[in-house]
Protein backbone atom coordinates (compact mmCIF):
# COMPACT_ATOMS: atom_id res chain seq x y z
CA MET A 1 114.26 96.81 131.48
CA LEU A 2 113.73 97.27 128.13
CA ASN A 3 110.07 96.53 126.97
CA LYS A 4 110.86 96.66 122.81
CA GLU A 5 108.74 94.17 120.36
CA SER A 6 110.20 94.07 116.82
CA THR A 7 109.44 91.68 113.82
CA ARG A 8 110.57 88.65 113.88
CA ILE A 9 113.56 88.71 111.22
CA ARG A 10 113.70 85.54 109.57
CA ILE A 11 117.10 85.02 108.37
CA ARG A 12 120.28 81.96 108.46
CA ASN A 13 122.97 84.92 109.17
CA LEU A 14 122.94 84.92 112.85
CA TYR A 15 126.32 83.84 113.94
CA GLY A 16 128.14 85.99 116.21
CA THR A 17 125.02 87.93 117.43
CA GLY A 18 125.70 87.23 121.07
CA PHE A 19 129.90 88.69 120.68
CA THR A 20 128.37 91.51 118.80
CA LEU A 21 125.73 92.49 121.20
CA SER A 22 128.09 92.69 124.15
CA SER A 23 130.11 94.53 122.23
CA ALA A 24 127.79 97.04 120.74
CA ILE A 25 126.46 97.58 124.76
CA ALA A 26 130.29 98.17 125.94
CA GLY A 27 131.29 100.52 123.11
CA HIS A 28 128.21 102.47 123.77
CA GLN A 29 128.57 102.65 127.36
CA GLY A 30 132.21 103.79 126.35
CA LEU A 31 130.26 106.49 124.84
CA ASP A 32 129.20 107.84 127.77
CA ALA A 33 125.23 106.29 127.12
CA ALA A 34 123.77 105.22 130.68
CA SER A 35 123.22 101.50 130.78
CA PRO A 36 119.47 101.36 129.80
CA HIS A 37 120.42 103.44 126.93
CA ALA A 38 123.10 102.07 126.04
CA LEU A 39 121.30 98.62 125.92
CA GLY A 40 118.65 99.89 123.53
CA LEU A 41 121.10 101.53 121.12
CA ALA A 42 123.12 98.03 120.91
CA ARG A 43 119.71 96.23 120.44
CA ASP A 44 118.76 98.57 117.56
CA PHE A 45 122.53 98.02 115.99
CA ILE A 46 121.87 94.13 116.32
CA LEU A 47 118.17 94.20 114.58
CA GLY A 48 119.70 96.21 112.02
CA ALA A 49 122.57 94.32 111.17
CA LEU A 50 120.63 91.32 111.03
CA ALA A 51 118.17 92.73 108.80
CA ALA A 52 121.16 94.23 106.46
CA GLY A 53 122.82 91.12 106.03
CA ALA A 54 119.39 88.70 105.34
CA ASP A 55 119.76 88.40 101.96
CA VAL A 56 124.01 87.93 102.16
CA THR A 57 124.93 84.14 101.10
CA THR A 58 128.50 83.53 102.76
CA GLY A 59 129.68 79.81 102.20
CA GLY A 60 127.03 76.84 102.64
CA GLY A 61 125.91 77.16 106.34
CA ASN A 62 124.73 80.02 108.63
CA GLY A 63 126.63 82.80 108.27
CA PRO A 64 127.26 86.03 110.39
CA LEU A 65 125.52 89.27 110.66
CA ASN A 66 126.26 92.05 108.72
CA HIS A 67 129.21 93.56 110.89
CA GLY A 68 129.27 96.22 108.42
CA PHE A 69 126.54 97.52 108.87
CA GLY A 70 126.72 101.52 109.92
CA PRO A 71 123.90 103.15 111.00
CA VAL A 72 126.07 105.95 112.33
CA PRO A 73 128.59 107.37 110.81
CA THR A 74 132.25 106.89 112.76
CA ARG A 75 133.25 110.07 114.52
CA ARG A 76 136.61 110.92 116.39
CA LEU A 77 136.58 111.01 120.08
CA PRO A 78 138.20 114.42 121.88
CA GLY A 79 141.75 113.67 122.68
CA ALA A 80 142.14 110.57 120.36
CA ALA A 81 145.18 110.19 119.26
CA GLY A 82 146.11 110.02 115.24
């Protein structure tokens, strides 16, 4: 189980955090990260995406976290088409 604490990020842009967290966990598991490690990587991604979108204003209410946040360069998997 993860027992990490972090500084609270006070933002309004947190729409989609649950969907993004579950997708990040699945993505890291797909890259062969063991479940506890995948959870930690996904958590780190969410915290970074929240922080990166903290000052963004999208419309008049709560906006999405910064899904374009990219802490790790995109890479092609071996055997991938294209």
